[in-house]
Amino acid sequence: MELILEEIELFDNKIDDNLFNVFADTNGLIVAKEIGGNRTFNYKLKKEQNDIAREHREEILEYRLVRVTEEDEVSLGDIFMHGEHVELITQETY
């Protein structure tokens, strides 16, 4: 699994303000693991990453960046943080 985001707050975490690290695997699974805790949230993209990046580039980058340039590219982390194009599959507590 590849780390794509560090120490972020999750919208789906309605319990507290704990931080999460977010990982992605090659099968399209996105996993948010609680730092110092025992909860994991599993997500998937609603469409292919390249399709989301192409079709929703402006809205995602405007959400993530102060100023968008032509050189800016949409990353999986950007898509995840925008939130509209991912869906929660499961929440696990260990």
N, C-alpha and C. Protein backbone atom coordinates (compact mmCIF):
# COMPACT_ATOMS: atom_id res chain seq x y z
N MET A 1 0.84 -1.18 0.00
CA MET A 1 0.00 0.00 0.00
C MET A 1 0.89 1.25 0.00
N GLU A 2 0.44 2.25 -0.72
CA GLU A 2 1.17 3.49 -0.84
C GLU A 2 0.51 4.58 0.00
N LEU A 3 1.30 5.27 0.80
CA LEU A 3 0.79 6.39 1.59
C LEU A 3 0.49 7.56 0.66
N ILE A 4 -0.76 8.05 0.69
CA ILE A 4 -1.11 9.17 -0.19
C ILE A 4 -1.42 10.45 0.58
N LEU A 5 -1.80 10.34 1.85
CA LEU A 5 -2.08 11.51 2.68
C LEU A 5 -1.67 11.21 4.12
N GLU A 6 -1.15 12.23 4.79
CA GLU A 6 -0.74 12.05 6.18
C GLU A 6 -1.47 13.02 7.10
N GLU A 7 -1.83 12.50 8.26
CA GLU A 7 -2.37 13.30 9.35
C GLU A 7 -3.52 14.21 8.93
N ILE A 8 -4.57 13.58 8.41
CA ILE A 8 -5.75 14.35 8.00
C ILE A 8 -6.94 14.01 8.90
N GLU A 9 -7.90 14.91 8.95
CA GLU A 9 -9.17 14.63 9.60
C GLU A 9 -10.12 14.03 8.57
N LEU A 10 -10.96 13.12 9.01
CA LEU A 10 -11.92 12.48 8.11
C LEU A 10 -13.33 13.02 8.35
N PHE A 11 -14.03 13.28 7.28
CA PHE A 11 -15.43 13.68 7.38
C PHE A 11 -16.27 12.55 7.98
N ASP A 12 -15.96 11.31 7.63
CA ASP A 12 -16.74 10.16 8.11
C ASP A 12 -16.49 9.85 9.58
N ASN A 13 -15.46 10.45 10.18
CA ASN A 13 -15.16 10.23 11.59
C ASN A 13 -15.97 11.22 12.42
N LYS A 14 -17.12 10.81 12.88
CA LYS A 14 -18.00 11.71 13.61
C LYS A 14 -17.82 11.60 15.13
N ILE A 15 -16.86 10.80 15.55
CA ILE A 15 -16.67 10.54 16.98
C ILE A 15 -15.76 11.59 17.63
N ASP A 16 -14.66 11.92 16.97
CA ASP A 16 -13.66 12.80 17.57
C ASP A 16 -12.86 13.49 16.46
N ASP A 17 -11.81 14.18 16.85
CA ASP A 17 -10.96 14.89 15.90
C ASP A 17 -9.65 14.17 15.63
N ASN A 18 -9.61 12.86 15.84
CA ASN A 18 -8.38 12.11 15.62
C ASN A 18 -7.94 12.21 14.17
N LEU A 19 -6.64 12.03 13.96
CA LEU A 19 -6.06 12.13 12.62
C LEU A 19 -5.86 10.75 12.02
N PHE A 20 -5.80 10.73 10.69
CA PHE A 20 -5.67 9.48 9.94
C PHE A 20 -4.59 9.62 8.88
N ASN A 21 -3.94 8.50 8.59
CA ASN A 21 -3.08 8.38 7.41
C ASN A 21 -3.88 7.61 6.38
N VAL A 22 -3.73 7.98 5.11
CA VAL A 22 -4.52 7.38 4.05
C VAL A 22 -3.60 6.67 3.07
N PHE A 23 -3.96 5.43 2.76
CA PHE A 23 -3.17 4.57 1.88
C PHE A 23 -4.02 4.12 0.70
N ALA A 24 -3.37 3.80 -0.41
CA ALA A 24 -4.07 3.26 -1.58
C ALA A 24 -3.34 2.01 -2.04
N ASP A 25 -4.11 1.04 -2.50
CA ASP A 25 -3.48 -0.15 -3.07
C ASP A 25 -3.73 -0.20 -4.58
N THR A 26 -3.14 -1.17 -5.22
CA THR A 26 -3.23 -1.26 -6.68
C THR A 26 -4.59 -1.76 -7.15
N ASN A 27 -5.44 -2.23 -6.24
CA ASN A 27 -6.77 -2.73 -6.61
C ASN A 27 -7.85 -1.66 -6.48
N GLY A 28 -7.47 -0.43 -6.17
CA GLY A 28 -8.43 0.65 -6.07
C GLY A 28 -9.00 0.87 -4.68
N LEU A 29 -8.51 0.13 -3.68
CA LEU A 29 -8.97 0.32 -2.32
C LEU A 29 -8.20 1.48 -1.69
N ILE A 30 -8.92 2.35 -0.99
CA ILE A 30 -8.32 3.46 -0.26
C ILE A 30 -8.62 3.21 1.21
N VAL A 31 -7.58 3.21 2.03
CA VAL A 31 -7.71 2.85 3.44
C VAL A 31 -7.22 4.00 4.30
N ALA A 32 -8.08 4.47 5.20
CA ALA A 32 -7.71 5.50 6.17
C ALA A 32 -7.54 4.82 7.52
N LYS A 33 -6.32 4.88 8.07
CA LYS A 33 -6.01 4.23 9.35
C LYS A 33 -5.80 5.31 10.41
N GLU A 34 -6.48 5.14 11.52
CA GLU A 34 -6.39 6.09 12.61
C GLU A 34 -4.99 6.06 13.22
N ILE A 35 -4.42 7.22 13.42
CA ILE A 35 -3.09 7.34 14.03
C ILE A 35 -3.26 7.17 15.54
N GLY A 36 -2.57 6.20 16.10
CA GLY A 36 -2.65 5.96 17.53
C GLY A 36 -3.97 5.39 17.99
N GLY A 37 -4.76 4.90 17.07
CA GLY A 37 -6.07 4.34 17.40
C GLY A 37 -6.28 3.00 16.73
N ASN A 38 -7.51 2.56 16.74
CA ASN A 38 -7.79 1.22 16.21
C ASN A 38 -8.90 1.20 15.17
N ARG A 39 -9.15 2.34 14.53
CA ARG A 39 -10.21 2.37 13.52
C ARG A 39 -9.62 2.49 12.12
N THR A 40 -10.31 1.85 11.18
CA THR A 40 -9.94 1.90 9.78
C THR A 40 -11.21 2.14 8.96
N PHE A 41 -11.12 3.07 8.01
CA PHE A 41 -12.21 3.32 7.08
C PHE A 41 -11.74 2.89 5.70
N ASN A 42 -12.55 2.10 5.01
CA ASN A 42 -12.22 1.62 3.66
C ASN A 42 -13.12 2.29 2.64
N TYR A 43 -12.50 2.78 1.58
CA TYR A 43 -13.21 3.53 0.53
C TYR A 43 -12.89 2.96 -0.84
N LYS A 44 -13.73 3.33 -1.80
CA LYS A 44 -13.43 3.06 -3.20
C LYS A 44 -13.88 4.27 -4.01
N LEU A 45 -13.28 4.43 -5.17
CA LEU A 45 -13.67 5.50 -6.08
C LEU A 45 -14.99 5.13 -6.75
N LYS A 46 -15.81 6.12 -7.02
CA LYS A 46 -17.09 5.88 -7.70
C LYS A 46 -16.91 5.62 -9.18
N LYS A 47 -15.79 6.10 -9.75
CA LYS A 47 -15.44 5.89 -11.15
C LYS A 47 -13.93 5.69 -11.23
N GLU A 48 -13.42 5.45 -12.40
CA GLU A 48 -11.98 5.32 -12.60
C GLU A 48 -11.28 6.63 -12.25
N GLN A 49 -10.11 6.53 -11.63
CA GLN A 49 -9.36 7.72 -11.22
C GLN A 49 -9.11 8.68 -12.38
N ASN A 50 -8.69 8.18 -13.52
CA ASN A 50 -8.40 9.04 -14.66
C ASN A 50 -9.64 9.76 -15.17
N ASP A 51 -10.79 9.08 -15.14
CA ASP A 51 -12.05 9.70 -15.56
C ASP A 51 -12.44 10.83 -14.61
N ILE A 52 -12.32 10.58 -13.31
CA ILE A 52 -12.64 11.60 -12.32
C ILE A 52 -11.71 12.80 -12.51
N ALA A 53 -10.42 12.53 -12.64
CA ALA A 53 -9.44 13.60 -12.78
C ALA A 53 -9.71 14.45 -14.02
N ARG A 54 -10.09 13.81 -15.10
CA ARG A 54 -10.35 14.53 -16.35
C ARG A 54 -11.67 15.30 -16.29
N GLU A 55 -12.72 14.65 -15.83
CA GLU A 55 -14.05 15.24 -15.87
C GLU A 55 -14.29 16.30 -14.79
N HIS A 56 -13.57 16.21 -13.68
CA HIS A 56 -13.83 17.09 -12.54
C HIS A 56 -12.58 17.85 -12.10
N ARG A 57 -11.64 18.02 -13.00
CA ARG A 57 -10.35 18.63 -12.68
C ARG A 57 -10.50 19.98 -11.99
N GLU A 58 -11.25 20.88 -12.60
CA GLU A 58 -11.36 22.24 -12.08
C GLU A 58 -11.94 22.27 -10.67
N GLU A 59 -13.06 21.58 -10.46
CA GLU A 59 -13.70 21.63 -9.15
C GLU A 59 -12.82 21.02 -8.07
N ILE A 60 -12.13 19.93 -8.39
CA ILE A 60 -11.26 19.28 -7.40
C ILE A 60 -10.06 20.16 -7.08
N LEU A 61 -9.41 20.69 -8.11
CA LEU A 61 -8.23 21.52 -7.86
C LEU A 61 -8.61 22.84 -7.19
N GLU A 62 -9.74 23.42 -7.53
CA GLU A 62 -10.17 24.64 -6.86
C GLU A 62 -10.44 24.39 -5.38
N TYR A 63 -10.92 23.20 -5.06
CA TYR A 63 -11.15 22.83 -3.67
C TYR A 63 -9.82 22.67 -2.91
N ARG A 64 -8.82 22.13 -3.58
CA ARG A 64 -7.55 21.80 -2.94
C ARG A 64 -6.50 22.90 -2.99
N LEU A 65 -6.53 23.75 -4.00
CA LEU A 65 -5.48 24.74 -4.20
C LEU A 65 -6.02 26.15 -4.12
N VAL A 66 -5.16 27.06 -3.76
CA VAL A 66 -5.55 28.47 -3.74
C VAL A 66 -5.64 29.00 -5.17
N ARG A 67 -4.65 28.66 -5.97
CA ARG A 67 -4.61 29.11 -7.36
C ARG A 67 -4.31 27.91 -8.26
N VAL A 68 -5.13 27.68 -9.25
CA VAL A 68 -4.98 26.55 -10.17
C VAL A 68 -4.27 27.02 -11.43
N THR A 69 -3.24 26.26 -11.84
CA THR A 69 -2.54 26.56 -13.09
C THR A 69 -2.76 25.41 -14.07
N GLU A 70 -2.41 25.63 -15.31
CA GLU A 70 -2.56 24.58 -16.33
C GLU A 70 -1.69 23.37 -16.04
N GLU A 71 -0.61 23.54 -15.32
CA GLU A 71 0.32 22.45 -15.03
C GLU A 71 -0.16 21.56 -13.88
N ASP A 72 -1.09 22.03 -13.08
CA ASP A 72 -1.57 21.27 -11.93
C ASP A 72 -2.29 20.01 -12.39
N GLU A 73 -1.99 18.91 -11.70
CA GLU A 73 -2.63 17.63 -11.99
C GLU A 73 -3.40 17.16 -10.77
N VAL A 74 -4.46 16.43 -11.01
CA VAL A 74 -5.29 15.89 -9.94
C VAL A 74 -4.69 14.56 -9.47
N SER A 75 -4.38 14.48 -8.19
CA SER A 75 -3.85 13.24 -7.62
C SER A 75 -4.97 12.45 -6.95
N LEU A 76 -4.69 11.23 -6.61
CA LEU A 76 -5.66 10.42 -5.88
C LEU A 76 -5.95 11.07 -4.52
N GLY A 77 -4.94 11.64 -3.89
CA GLY A 77 -5.14 12.35 -2.63
C GLY A 77 -6.09 13.53 -2.79
N ASP A 78 -5.98 14.26 -3.89
CA ASP A 78 -6.89 15.37 -4.17
C ASP A 78 -8.33 14.87 -4.30
N ILE A 79 -8.50 13.80 -5.03
CA ILE A 79 -9.83 13.21 -5.22
C ILE A 79 -10.40 12.78 -3.88
N PHE A 80 -9.58 12.12 -3.07
CA PHE A 80 -10.05 11.65 -1.76
C PHE A 80 -10.46 12.83 -0.87
N MET A 81 -9.62 13.86 -0.81
CA MET A 81 -9.91 15.00 0.05
C MET A 81 -11.15 15.77 -0.42
N HIS A 82 -11.36 15.84 -1.72
CA HIS A 82 -12.56 16.49 -2.25
C HIS A 82 -13.80 15.75 -1.75
N GLY A 83 -13.75 14.42 -1.76
CA GLY A 83 -14.75 13.59 -1.13
C GLY A 83 -15.96 13.20 -1.94
N GLU A 84 -16.30 13.94 -2.96
CA GLU A 84 -17.53 13.68 -3.70
C GLU A 84 -17.46 12.41 -4.56
N HIS A 85 -16.26 12.00 -4.91
CA HIS A 85 -16.10 10.90 -5.87
C HIS A 85 -15.58 9.61 -5.22
N VAL A 86 -15.67 9.55 -3.89
CA VAL A 86 -15.32 8.33 -3.16
C VAL A 86 -16.51 7.91 -2.32
N GLU A 87 -16.59 6.61 -2.05
CA GLU A 87 -17.65 6.15 -1.19
C GLU A 87 -17.08 5.22 -0.12
N LEU A 88 -17.63 5.35 1.07
CA LEU A 88 -17.22 4.52 2.19
C LEU A 88 -17.76 3.12 1.99
N ILE A 89 -16.88 2.13 2.09
CA ILE A 89 -17.30 0.74 1.95
C ILE A 89 -17.57 0.16 3.34
N THR A 90 -16.57 0.24 4.21
CA THR A 90 -16.70 -0.30 5.56
C THR A 90 -15.91 0.55 6.55
N GLN A 91 -16.30 0.42 7.80
CA GLN A 91 -15.54 0.99 8.91
C GLN A 91 -15.25 -0.17 9.85
N GLU A 92 -13.98 -0.31 10.23
CA GLU A 92 -13.60 -1.42 11.10
C GLU A 92 -12.93 -0.88 12.35
N THR A 93 -13.14 -1.59 13.46
CA THR A 93 -12.46 -1.27 14.71
C THR A 93 -11.75 -2.53 15.17
N TYR A 94 -10.47 -2.38 15.52
CA TYR A 94 -9.69 -3.54 15.95
C TYR A 94 -9.40 -3.48 17.41
